[in-house]
Amino acid sequence: MRVGLLGGSFNPPHAGHVHISLAALKGLQLDAVWWLVSPQNPIKDVKALPLAKRIALCQKLVDHPKILVSDIEKDLGTSITYHSIRKLKRRYPCAQFVWISGMDNALSLHKWHYWRELLDEIPMLHLTRSPARSLVSGCPYRMYGHQKHMVIDHGSAYPLDSGISYWMMQKKMVNISSTEIRHNALKNNNKATKTAD
């Protein structure tokens, strides 16, 4: 099986997560995309909603037979992506995995724990937004010489070998983020509190 892994805190999940999953399914001709809902993102200080609540929100949002919502990192006892990938590969030796992310994660990948080792374990698929070319060329981890970078613009069963980063140019992107949703909710809550006073 060709399986895409979309990891994150999903705090909260939104239409952008669905969009990126559907694009990855088509772009790499994947059999499935697993949402790895993290118990706690190790590089984010933001207090997340309880894991069970985020899982429930994800399941409510997803309506596609090839997108699976999972809290497997809780069972694996991992919160660092590199450790999760190593354990998943041992647990599912016949699966071919690819890590899926949007451009924000691609731009900060060099700050992740064991990011070089992660690139040796799993291929990457980054979905880019406009201006795609300048964002990709300015991505810090592109300077890492061990990685092969390929820009793709049509779907195919590209090889899922470690050491490859695919950059998929999107004509249509969903401009929304979990951070923006939390910020707007906090702002609306503050307005409501002032009105009540």
N, C-alpha and C. Protein backbone atom coordinates (compact mmCIF):
# COMPACT_ATOMS: atom_id res chain seq x y z
N MET A 1 0.83 -1.20 0.00
CA MET A 1 0.00 0.00 0.00
C MET A 1 0.86 1.25 0.00
N ARG A 2 0.40 2.24 -0.73
CA ARG A 2 1.03 3.56 -0.77
C ARG A 2 0.23 4.47 0.16
N VAL A 3 0.86 4.86 1.26
CA VAL A 3 0.13 5.57 2.32
C VAL A 3 0.77 6.93 2.58
N GLY A 4 -0.05 7.97 2.50
CA GLY A 4 0.38 9.30 2.88
C GLY A 4 0.11 9.53 4.35
N LEU A 5 1.04 10.17 5.03
CA LEU A 5 0.90 10.49 6.45
C LEU A 5 0.81 12.00 6.61
N LEU A 6 -0.30 12.47 7.13
CA LEU A 6 -0.48 13.89 7.41
C LEU A 6 -0.52 14.04 8.92
N GLY A 7 0.57 14.50 9.48
CA GLY A 7 0.67 14.60 10.93
C GLY A 7 0.46 16.02 11.41
N GLY A 8 0.03 16.13 12.65
CA GLY A 8 -0.14 17.45 13.23
C GLY A 8 -1.03 17.40 14.45
N SER A 9 -1.21 18.55 15.05
CA SER A 9 -2.06 18.62 16.23
C SER A 9 -3.53 18.73 15.85
N PHE A 10 -3.84 19.19 14.63
CA PHE A 10 -5.23 19.34 14.19
C PHE A 10 -6.03 20.07 15.27
N ASN A 11 -5.54 21.24 15.61
CA ASN A 11 -6.06 21.99 16.75
C ASN A 11 -6.60 23.36 16.34
N PRO A 12 -7.72 23.42 15.64
CA PRO A 12 -8.63 22.34 15.25
C PRO A 12 -8.39 21.90 13.80
N PRO A 13 -9.00 20.79 13.38
CA PRO A 13 -8.94 20.39 11.98
C PRO A 13 -9.79 21.34 11.14
N HIS A 14 -9.48 21.43 9.85
CA HIS A 14 -10.24 22.34 8.98
C HIS A 14 -10.19 21.85 7.53
N ALA A 15 -10.87 22.57 6.66
CA ALA A 15 -11.00 22.19 5.26
C ALA A 15 -9.65 22.10 4.55
N GLY A 16 -8.67 22.87 5.01
CA GLY A 16 -7.35 22.81 4.40
C GLY A 16 -6.70 21.44 4.57
N HIS A 17 -6.92 20.79 5.71
CA HIS A 17 -6.40 19.43 5.93
C HIS A 17 -7.03 18.44 4.95
N VAL A 18 -8.31 18.60 4.70
CA VAL A 18 -8.99 17.72 3.75
C VAL A 18 -8.45 17.98 2.34
N HIS A 19 -8.32 19.25 1.99
CA HIS A 19 -7.84 19.62 0.66
C HIS A 19 -6.46 19.03 0.37
N ILE A 20 -5.55 19.18 1.31
CA ILE A 20 -4.18 18.68 1.12
C ILE A 20 -4.17 17.16 1.02
N SER A 21 -5.06 16.49 1.76
CA SER A 21 -5.15 15.03 1.71
C SER A 21 -5.64 14.56 0.34
N LEU A 22 -6.68 15.21 -0.16
CA LEU A 22 -7.23 14.84 -1.47
C LEU A 22 -6.22 15.11 -2.59
N ALA A 23 -5.50 16.22 -2.48
CA ALA A 23 -4.48 16.54 -3.49
C ALA A 23 -3.36 15.50 -3.47
N ALA A 24 -2.97 15.06 -2.27
CA ALA A 24 -1.91 14.06 -2.15
C ALA A 24 -2.37 12.71 -2.70
N LEU A 25 -3.60 12.32 -2.40
CA LEU A 25 -4.15 11.06 -2.93
C LEU A 25 -4.05 11.03 -4.44
N LYS A 26 -4.43 12.13 -5.07
CA LYS A 26 -4.42 12.22 -6.53
C LYS A 26 -2.99 12.39 -7.07
N GLY A 27 -2.23 13.27 -6.44
CA GLY A 27 -0.91 13.62 -6.96
C GLY A 27 0.09 12.48 -6.95
N LEU A 28 0.02 11.62 -5.93
CA LEU A 28 0.95 10.49 -5.83
C LEU A 28 0.25 9.15 -6.02
N GLN A 29 -1.02 9.19 -6.40
CA GLN A 29 -1.83 7.98 -6.58
C GLN A 29 -1.70 7.06 -5.36
N LEU A 30 -2.05 7.63 -4.20
CA LEU A 30 -1.95 6.91 -2.93
C LEU A 30 -3.18 6.04 -2.71
N ASP A 31 -3.00 4.98 -1.93
CA ASP A 31 -4.12 4.12 -1.56
C ASP A 31 -4.88 4.69 -0.37
N ALA A 32 -4.19 5.48 0.46
CA ALA A 32 -4.83 6.04 1.65
C ALA A 32 -4.00 7.20 2.18
N VAL A 33 -4.64 8.06 2.95
CA VAL A 33 -3.95 9.08 3.74
C VAL A 33 -4.38 8.89 5.18
N TRP A 34 -3.39 8.76 6.05
CA TRP A 34 -3.66 8.64 7.49
C TRP A 34 -3.39 9.98 8.15
N TRP A 35 -4.37 10.48 8.89
CA TRP A 35 -4.15 11.67 9.70
C TRP A 35 -3.59 11.22 11.04
N LEU A 36 -2.37 11.59 11.33
CA LEU A 36 -1.75 11.26 12.61
C LEU A 36 -1.98 12.42 13.56
N VAL A 37 -3.02 12.30 14.36
CA VAL A 37 -3.38 13.38 15.30
C VAL A 37 -2.47 13.24 16.52
N SER A 38 -1.58 14.20 16.66
CA SER A 38 -0.53 14.12 17.68
C SER A 38 -1.08 14.42 19.08
N PRO A 39 -0.67 13.63 20.08
CA PRO A 39 -1.06 13.97 21.46
C PRO A 39 -0.60 15.38 21.84
N GLN A 40 0.62 15.75 21.41
CA GLN A 40 1.12 17.11 21.65
C GLN A 40 2.27 17.36 20.70
N ASN A 41 2.17 18.42 19.93
CA ASN A 41 3.24 18.79 19.01
C ASN A 41 4.44 19.28 19.83
N PRO A 42 5.62 18.63 19.68
CA PRO A 42 6.76 18.98 20.53
C PRO A 42 7.40 20.34 20.24
N ILE A 43 7.07 20.95 19.09
CA ILE A 43 7.68 22.26 18.80
C ILE A 43 6.66 23.40 18.87
N LYS A 44 5.46 23.10 19.40
CA LYS A 44 4.45 24.15 19.57
C LYS A 44 4.13 24.30 21.05
N ASP A 45 4.08 25.55 21.50
CA ASP A 45 3.76 25.84 22.89
C ASP A 45 2.25 25.94 23.13
N VAL A 46 1.48 26.00 22.05
CA VAL A 46 0.04 26.19 22.17
C VAL A 46 -0.60 25.00 22.87
N LYS A 47 -1.43 25.28 23.85
CA LYS A 47 -2.17 24.24 24.55
C LYS A 47 -3.26 23.72 23.63
N ALA A 48 -3.20 22.44 23.33
CA ALA A 48 -4.16 21.84 22.40
C ALA A 48 -5.42 21.39 23.12
N LEU A 49 -6.51 21.31 22.36
CA LEU A 49 -7.72 20.67 22.88
C LEU A 49 -7.37 19.24 23.26
N PRO A 50 -8.13 18.59 24.14
CA PRO A 50 -7.86 17.19 24.47
C PRO A 50 -7.84 16.32 23.21
N LEU A 51 -6.99 15.31 23.21
CA LEU A 51 -6.81 14.45 22.04
C LEU A 51 -8.14 13.85 21.57
N ALA A 52 -8.95 13.34 22.50
CA ALA A 52 -10.23 12.72 22.13
C ALA A 52 -11.15 13.73 21.42
N LYS A 53 -11.12 14.98 21.85
CA LYS A 53 -11.94 16.02 21.22
C LYS A 53 -11.45 16.30 19.80
N ARG A 54 -10.12 16.37 19.61
CA ARG A 54 -9.56 16.63 18.28
C ARG A 54 -9.84 15.46 17.33
N ILE A 55 -9.75 14.24 17.85
CA ILE A 55 -10.07 13.05 17.04
C ILE A 55 -11.54 13.13 16.59
N ALA A 56 -12.43 13.46 17.51
CA ALA A 56 -13.86 13.54 17.19
C ALA A 56 -14.12 14.63 16.14
N LEU A 57 -13.45 15.77 16.27
CA LEU A 57 -13.61 16.86 15.29
C LEU A 57 -13.11 16.43 13.92
N CYS A 58 -11.98 15.70 13.89
CA CYS A 58 -11.44 15.20 12.62
C CYS A 58 -12.41 14.22 11.97
N GLN A 59 -12.94 13.30 12.76
CA GLN A 59 -13.86 12.30 12.22
C GLN A 59 -15.15 12.94 11.69
N LYS A 60 -15.57 14.00 12.34
CA LYS A 60 -16.77 14.72 11.89
C LYS A 60 -16.50 15.43 10.56
N LEU A 61 -15.28 15.91 10.38
CA LEU A 61 -14.91 16.67 9.19
C LEU A 61 -14.66 15.77 7.98
N VAL A 62 -14.07 14.61 8.21
CA VAL A 62 -13.65 13.73 7.11
C VAL A 62 -14.81 12.89 6.61
N ASP A 63 -15.01 12.93 5.31
CA ASP A 63 -16.05 12.12 4.68
C ASP A 63 -15.48 11.54 3.38
N HIS A 64 -14.43 10.74 3.53
CA HIS A 64 -13.78 10.14 2.37
C HIS A 64 -13.26 8.76 2.76
N PRO A 65 -13.53 7.73 1.96
CA PRO A 65 -13.14 6.37 2.36
C PRO A 65 -11.63 6.13 2.44
N LYS A 66 -10.84 6.99 1.80
CA LYS A 66 -9.39 6.78 1.80
C LYS A 66 -8.65 7.65 2.81
N ILE A 67 -9.38 8.44 3.60
CA ILE A 67 -8.75 9.26 4.65
C ILE A 67 -9.11 8.65 5.99
N LEU A 68 -8.10 8.24 6.74
CA LEU A 68 -8.29 7.58 8.03
C LEU A 68 -7.75 8.47 9.15
N VAL A 69 -8.57 8.75 10.13
CA VAL A 69 -8.16 9.53 11.30
C VAL A 69 -7.60 8.58 12.35
N SER A 70 -6.41 8.90 12.87
CA SER A 70 -5.74 7.97 13.78
C SER A 70 -5.07 8.70 14.94
N ASP A 71 -5.13 8.05 16.11
CA ASP A 71 -4.36 8.53 17.27
C ASP A 71 -3.23 7.55 17.57
N ILE A 72 -2.68 6.95 16.52
CA ILE A 72 -1.69 5.88 16.69
C ILE A 72 -0.43 6.34 17.41
N GLU A 73 -0.11 7.63 17.33
CA GLU A 73 1.08 8.11 18.05
C GLU A 73 0.92 7.93 19.56
N LYS A 74 -0.31 7.99 20.04
CA LYS A 74 -0.56 7.73 21.47
C LYS A 74 -0.19 6.28 21.78
N ASP A 75 -0.60 5.36 20.91
CA ASP A 75 -0.29 3.94 21.11
C ASP A 75 1.20 3.66 20.94
N LEU A 76 1.83 4.36 19.99
CA LEU A 76 3.26 4.18 19.75
C LEU A 76 4.11 4.80 20.86
N GLY A 77 3.51 5.73 21.62
CA GLY A 77 4.25 6.43 22.67
C GLY A 77 5.24 7.43 22.10
N THR A 78 4.88 8.04 20.95
CA THR A 78 5.79 8.99 20.30
C THR A 78 5.11 10.33 20.10
N SER A 79 5.90 11.38 20.05
CA SER A 79 5.40 12.69 19.67
C SER A 79 6.34 13.35 18.67
N ILE A 80 7.50 12.78 18.47
CA ILE A 80 8.47 13.29 17.50
C ILE A 80 8.29 12.50 16.20
N THR A 81 8.14 13.19 15.11
CA THR A 81 7.82 12.55 13.82
C THR A 81 8.81 11.46 13.46
N TYR A 82 10.09 11.72 13.62
CA TYR A 82 11.11 10.73 13.26
C TYR A 82 10.88 9.41 13.99
N HIS A 83 10.61 9.47 15.30
CA HIS A 83 10.37 8.26 16.08
C HIS A 83 9.09 7.56 15.62
N SER A 84 8.06 8.35 15.31
CA SER A 84 6.80 7.76 14.84
C SER A 84 7.00 7.02 13.53
N ILE A 85 7.74 7.62 12.61
CA ILE A 85 7.96 7.00 11.30
C ILE A 85 8.73 5.69 11.46
N ARG A 86 9.75 5.70 12.28
CA ARG A 86 10.54 4.46 12.49
C ARG A 86 9.64 3.33 13.01
N LYS A 87 8.79 3.65 13.98
CA LYS A 87 7.92 2.62 14.56
C LYS A 87 6.84 2.18 13.57
N LEU A 88 6.29 3.11 12.80
CA LEU A 88 5.29 2.76 11.80
C LEU A 88 5.87 1.84 10.73
N LYS A 89 7.09 2.12 10.32
CA LYS A 89 7.73 1.28 9.29
C LYS A 89 7.98 -0.13 9.81
N ARG A 90 8.29 -0.24 11.10
CA ARG A 90 8.47 -1.58 11.68
C ARG A 90 7.13 -2.30 11.81
N ARG A 91 6.09 -1.55 12.18
CA ARG A 91 4.77 -2.16 12.38
C ARG A 91 4.11 -2.55 11.06
N TYR A 92 4.36 -1.76 10.01
CA TYR A 92 3.75 -2.02 8.69
C TYR A 92 4.85 -2.13 7.63
N PRO A 93 5.61 -3.22 7.64
CA PRO A 93 6.77 -3.34 6.74
C PRO A 93 6.41 -3.40 5.25
N CYS A 94 5.17 -3.72 4.92
CA CYS A 94 4.79 -3.81 3.50
C CYS A 94 4.23 -2.49 2.96
N ALA A 95 4.06 -1.51 3.82
CA ALA A 95 3.52 -0.21 3.38
C ALA A 95 4.65 0.69 2.89
N GLN A 96 4.34 1.50 1.88
CA GLN A 96 5.25 2.55 1.43
C GLN A 96 4.66 3.87 1.92
N PHE A 97 5.40 4.57 2.76
CA PHE A 97 4.90 5.80 3.36
C PHE A 97 5.50 7.03 2.69
N VAL A 98 4.74 8.11 2.71
CA VAL A 98 5.23 9.43 2.31
C VAL A 98 4.65 10.44 3.30
N TRP A 99 5.49 11.40 3.71
CA TRP A 99 5.05 12.44 4.65
C TRP A 99 4.46 13.58 3.84
N ILE A 100 3.28 14.04 4.22
CA ILE A 100 2.57 15.11 3.52
C ILE A 100 2.57 16.37 4.38
N SER A 101 2.81 17.49 3.75
CA SER A 101 2.71 18.74 4.50
C SER A 101 2.39 19.89 3.57
N GLY A 102 1.94 20.97 4.19
CA GLY A 102 1.78 22.22 3.48
C GLY A 102 3.09 22.98 3.50
N MET A 103 3.08 24.15 2.92
CA MET A 103 4.31 24.93 2.79
C MET A 103 4.83 25.43 4.13
N ASP A 104 3.94 25.71 5.07
CA ASP A 104 4.39 26.21 6.37
C ASP A 104 5.32 25.20 7.06
N ASN A 105 4.94 23.91 7.01
CA ASN A 105 5.79 22.89 7.62
C ASN A 105 7.08 22.68 6.84
N ALA A 106 7.01 22.80 5.51
CA ALA A 106 8.23 22.67 4.71
C ALA A 106 9.23 23.77 5.08
N LEU A 107 8.73 24.97 5.29
CA LEU A 107 9.61 26.10 5.61
C LEU A 107 10.23 25.99 7.00
N SER A 108 9.61 25.20 7.89
CA SER A 108 10.15 25.06 9.25
C SER A 108 10.72 23.67 9.52
N LEU A 109 10.80 22.82 8.50
CA LEU A 109 11.24 21.44 8.69
C LEU A 109 12.63 21.35 9.32
N HIS A 110 13.50 22.29 8.99
CA HIS A 110 14.87 22.27 9.52
C HIS A 110 14.91 22.54 11.02
N LYS A 111 13.77 22.90 11.62
CA LYS A 111 13.70 23.12 13.07
C LYS A 111 13.16 21.88 13.82
N TRP A 112 12.74 20.86 13.06
CA TRP A 112 12.17 19.67 13.67
C TRP A 112 13.28 18.83 14.31
N HIS A 113 12.92 18.07 15.34
CA HIS A 113 13.85 17.13 15.96
C HIS A 113 14.23 16.06 14.94
N TYR A 114 15.53 15.81 14.79
CA TYR A 114 16.05 14.74 13.90
C TYR A 114 15.56 14.89 12.45
N TRP A 115 15.52 16.12 11.95
CA TRP A 115 14.96 16.33 10.62
C TRP A 115 15.81 15.68 9.53
N ARG A 116 17.12 15.68 9.67
CA ARG A 116 17.97 15.03 8.66
C ARG A 116 17.73 13.52 8.64
N GLU A 117 17.64 12.93 9.82
CA GLU A 117 17.37 11.49 9.92
C GLU A 117 15.97 11.17 9.36
N LEU A 118 15.02 12.08 9.57
CA LEU A 118 13.67 11.89 9.03
C LEU A 118 13.71 11.83 7.51
N LEU A 119 14.47 12.70 6.89
CA LEU A 119 14.58 12.71 5.42
C LEU A 119 15.20 11.42 4.89
N ASP A 120 16.02 10.77 5.72
CA ASP A 120 16.60 9.48 5.32
C ASP A 120 15.61 8.32 5.47
N GLU A 121 14.52 8.55 6.20
CA GLU A 121 13.55 7.50 6.48
C GLU A 121 12.35 7.49 5.54
N ILE A 122 11.96 8.67 5.04
CA ILE A 122 10.67 8.78 4.36
C ILE A 122 10.72 9.90 3.31
N PRO A 123 10.08 9.68 2.15
CA PRO A 123 9.97 10.78 1.19
C PRO A 123 8.98 11.83 1.68
N MET A 124 9.07 13.01 1.10
CA MET A 124 8.22 14.14 1.48
C MET A 124 7.37 14.57 0.30
N LEU A 125 6.16 15.01 0.58
CA LEU A 125 5.33 15.69 -0.40
C LEU A 125 4.88 17.00 0.22
N HIS A 126 5.32 18.11 -0.38
CA HIS A 126 4.92 19.44 0.11
C HIS A 126 4.01 20.07 -0.93
N LEU A 127 2.82 20.48 -0.50
CA LEU A 127 1.91 21.18 -1.39
C LEU A 127 2.13 22.67 -1.20
N THR A 128 2.43 23.35 -2.29
CA THR A 128 2.81 24.75 -2.21
C THR A 128 1.67 25.65 -2.63
N ARG A 129 1.74 26.85 -2.11
CA ARG A 129 0.77 27.88 -2.47
C ARG A 129 1.49 28.96 -3.27
N SER A 130 0.77 29.90 -3.77
CA SER A 130 1.35 31.01 -4.55
C SER A 130 2.07 31.98 -3.61
N PRO A 131 3.23 32.54 -3.99
CA PRO A 131 4.02 32.30 -5.20
C PRO A 131 4.89 31.05 -5.03
N ALA A 132 4.49 29.95 -5.62
CA ALA A 132 5.09 28.64 -5.37
C ALA A 132 6.58 28.61 -5.65
N ARG A 133 7.00 29.09 -6.79
CA ARG A 133 8.42 28.95 -7.17
C ARG A 133 9.34 29.65 -6.17
N SER A 134 8.99 30.86 -5.77
CA SER A 134 9.87 31.58 -4.85
C SER A 134 9.85 30.97 -3.45
N LEU A 135 8.69 30.44 -3.02
CA LEU A 135 8.61 29.78 -1.72
C LEU A 135 9.49 28.53 -1.70
N VAL A 136 9.41 27.74 -2.76
CA VAL A 136 10.19 26.51 -2.83
C VAL A 136 11.69 26.82 -2.87
N SER A 137 12.08 27.77 -3.70
CA SER A 137 13.51 28.07 -3.83
C SER A 137 14.07 28.66 -2.54
N GLY A 138 13.20 29.31 -1.74
CA GLY A 138 13.66 29.91 -0.49
C GLY A 138 13.56 29.01 0.73
N CYS A 139 13.12 27.78 0.53
CA CYS A 139 12.94 26.85 1.65
C CYS A 139 14.30 26.43 2.22
N PRO A 140 14.55 26.65 3.52
CA PRO A 140 15.89 26.39 4.08
C PRO A 140 16.40 24.97 3.90
N TYR A 141 15.53 23.97 4.00
CA TYR A 141 16.06 22.62 3.94
C TYR A 141 16.44 22.18 2.52
N ARG A 142 16.11 23.01 1.53
CA ARG A 142 16.57 22.71 0.17
C ARG A 142 18.09 22.81 0.07
N MET A 143 18.71 23.48 1.03
CA MET A 143 20.17 23.59 1.03
C MET A 143 20.85 22.29 1.47
N TYR A 144 20.06 21.38 2.02
CA TYR A 144 20.59 20.10 2.49
C TYR A 144 20.90 19.24 1.26
N GLY A 145 22.14 18.99 1.01
CA GLY A 145 22.60 18.39 -0.23
C GLY A 145 22.24 16.95 -0.47
N HIS A 146 21.78 16.23 0.55
CA HIS A 146 21.49 14.80 0.41
C HIS A 146 20.11 14.53 -0.18
N GLN A 147 19.30 15.56 -0.32
CA GLN A 147 17.91 15.38 -0.75
C GLN A 147 17.75 15.68 -2.23
N LYS A 148 16.97 14.83 -2.92
CA LYS A 148 16.61 15.06 -4.32
C LYS A 148 15.26 15.77 -4.33
N HIS A 149 15.16 16.87 -5.06
CA HIS A 149 13.92 17.66 -5.10
C HIS A 149 13.29 17.55 -6.49
N MET A 150 11.99 17.22 -6.51
CA MET A 150 11.26 17.10 -7.77
C MET A 150 9.96 17.90 -7.71
N VAL A 151 9.77 18.76 -8.69
CA VAL A 151 8.52 19.51 -8.81
C VAL A 151 7.57 18.68 -9.66
N ILE A 152 6.35 18.46 -9.15
CA ILE A 152 5.36 17.68 -9.90
C ILE A 152 4.12 18.53 -10.13
N ASP A 153 3.50 18.34 -11.29
CA ASP A 153 2.29 19.12 -11.58
C ASP A 153 1.17 18.26 -12.13
N HIS A 154 1.35 16.93 -12.13
CA HIS A 154 0.27 16.03 -12.52
C HIS A 154 0.42 14.73 -11.72
N GLY A 155 -0.68 14.02 -11.59
CA GLY A 155 -0.69 12.81 -10.78
C GLY A 155 0.02 11.65 -11.44
N SER A 156 0.73 10.89 -10.63
CA SER A 156 1.40 9.68 -11.10
C SER A 156 1.85 8.88 -9.89
N ALA A 157 2.13 7.60 -10.09
CA ALA A 157 2.64 6.75 -9.01
C ALA A 157 4.15 6.93 -8.90
N TYR A 158 4.56 8.14 -8.54
CA TYR A 158 5.98 8.44 -8.38
C TYR A 158 6.58 7.52 -7.31
N PRO A 159 7.87 7.19 -7.43
CA PRO A 159 8.48 6.31 -6.43
C PRO A 159 8.47 6.94 -5.04
N LEU A 160 8.18 6.13 -4.03
CA LEU A 160 8.16 6.60 -2.65
C LEU A 160 9.43 6.15 -1.95
N ASP A 161 10.54 6.70 -2.40
CA ASP A 161 11.85 6.38 -1.85
C ASP A 161 12.30 7.49 -0.91
N SER A 162 12.95 7.11 0.19
CA SER A 162 13.50 8.14 1.08
C SER A 162 14.55 8.93 0.31
N GLY A 163 14.77 10.16 0.76
CA GLY A 163 15.73 11.01 0.08
C GLY A 163 15.14 11.84 -1.05
N ILE A 164 13.81 11.73 -1.25
CA ILE A 164 13.13 12.52 -2.29
C ILE A 164 12.13 13.46 -1.64
N SER A 165 12.12 14.70 -2.09
CA SER A 165 11.07 15.65 -1.71
C SER A 165 10.33 16.05 -2.98
N TYR A 166 9.03 15.81 -2.97
CA TYR A 166 8.17 16.24 -4.08
C TYR A 166 7.53 17.58 -3.71
N TRP A 167 7.52 18.47 -4.66
CA TRP A 167 6.91 19.78 -4.48
C TRP A 167 5.76 19.87 -5.47
N MET A 168 4.56 19.88 -4.96
CA MET A 168 3.37 19.86 -5.80
C MET A 168 2.75 21.25 -5.86
N MET A 169 2.75 21.81 -7.05
CA MET A 169 2.21 23.15 -7.24
C MET A 169 0.69 23.09 -7.32
N GLN A 170 0.04 23.86 -6.49
CA GLN A 170 -1.42 23.85 -6.42
C GLN A 170 -1.99 25.11 -7.08
N LYS A 171 -2.90 24.91 -8.02
CA LYS A 171 -3.58 26.06 -8.63
C LYS A 171 -4.61 26.63 -7.65
N LYS A 172 -5.18 25.72 -6.85
CA LYS A 172 -6.22 26.13 -5.89
C LYS A 172 -5.79 25.69 -4.51
N MET A 173 -5.74 26.60 -3.57
CA MET A 173 -5.40 26.27 -2.18
C MET A 173 -6.51 26.79 -1.28
N VAL A 174 -6.66 26.15 -0.14
CA VAL A 174 -7.60 26.60 0.88
C VAL A 174 -6.79 27.44 1.87
N ASN A 175 -7.02 28.74 1.86
CA ASN A 175 -6.24 29.64 2.71
C ASN A 175 -6.84 29.74 4.10
N ILE A 176 -6.50 28.74 4.92
CA ILE A 176 -6.99 28.70 6.29
C ILE A 176 -5.97 27.92 7.11
N SER A 177 -5.84 28.26 8.36
CA SER A 177 -4.91 27.53 9.23
C SER A 177 -5.54 27.37 10.61
N SER A 178 -5.06 26.37 11.34
CA SER A 178 -5.57 26.15 12.70
C SER A 178 -5.24 27.34 13.59
N THR A 179 -4.06 27.93 13.38
CA THR A 179 -3.65 29.11 14.15
C THR A 179 -4.64 30.25 13.93
N GLU A 180 -5.01 30.48 12.67
CA GLU A 180 -5.95 31.54 12.33
C GLU A 180 -7.32 31.28 12.95
N ILE A 181 -7.77 30.03 12.93
CA ILE A 181 -9.06 29.68 13.54
C ILE A 181 -9.04 29.96 15.04
N ARG A 182 -7.93 29.53 15.71
CA ARG A 182 -7.83 29.77 17.16
C ARG A 182 -7.80 31.27 17.46
N HIS A 183 -7.05 32.02 16.65
CA HIS A 183 -6.93 33.47 16.85
C HIS A 183 -8.29 34.15 16.71
N ASN A 184 -9.05 33.78 15.65
CA ASN A 184 -10.37 34.37 15.44
C ASN A 184 -11.33 34.01 16.55
N ALA A 185 -11.26 32.76 17.04
CA ALA A 185 -12.13 32.33 18.14
C ALA A 185 -11.83 33.14 19.40
N LEU A 186 -10.54 33.35 19.68
CA LEU A 186 -10.13 34.13 20.85
C LEU A 186 -10.60 35.57 20.73
N LYS A 187 -10.45 36.14 19.53
CA LYS A 187 -10.87 37.52 19.29
C LYS A 187 -12.38 37.66 19.48
N ASN A 188 -13.15 36.70 18.93
CA ASN A 188 -14.62 36.74 19.08
C ASN A 188 -15.03 36.55 20.53
N ASN A 189 -14.30 35.70 21.26
CA ASN A 189 -14.57 35.49 22.67
C ASN A 189 -14.32 36.77 23.47
N ASN A 190 -13.23 37.47 23.15
CA ASN A 190 -12.92 38.72 23.85
C ASN A 190 -13.98 39.78 23.56
N LYS A 191 -14.48 39.84 22.30
CA LYS A 191 -15.53 40.79 21.95
C LYS A 191 -16.80 40.48 22.75
N ALA A 192 -17.14 39.19 22.83
CA ALA A 192 -18.35 38.78 23.55
C ALA A 192 -18.25 39.14 25.03
N THR A 193 -17.03 38.97 25.60
CA THR A 193 -16.82 39.29 27.01
C THR A 193 -16.98 40.79 27.24
N LYS A 194 -16.44 41.62 26.34
CA LYS A 194 -16.56 43.07 26.48
C LYS A 194 -18.00 43.52 26.35
N THR A 195 -18.74 42.89 25.44
CA THR A 195 -20.16 43.22 25.25
C THR A 195 -20.96 42.87 26.52
N ALA A 196 -20.63 41.74 27.13
CA ALA A 196 -21.33 41.31 28.34
C ALA A 196 -21.04 42.25 29.50
N ASP A 197 -19.84 42.83 29.52
CA ASP A 197 -19.49 43.78 30.59
C ASP A 197 -20.28 45.06 30.41
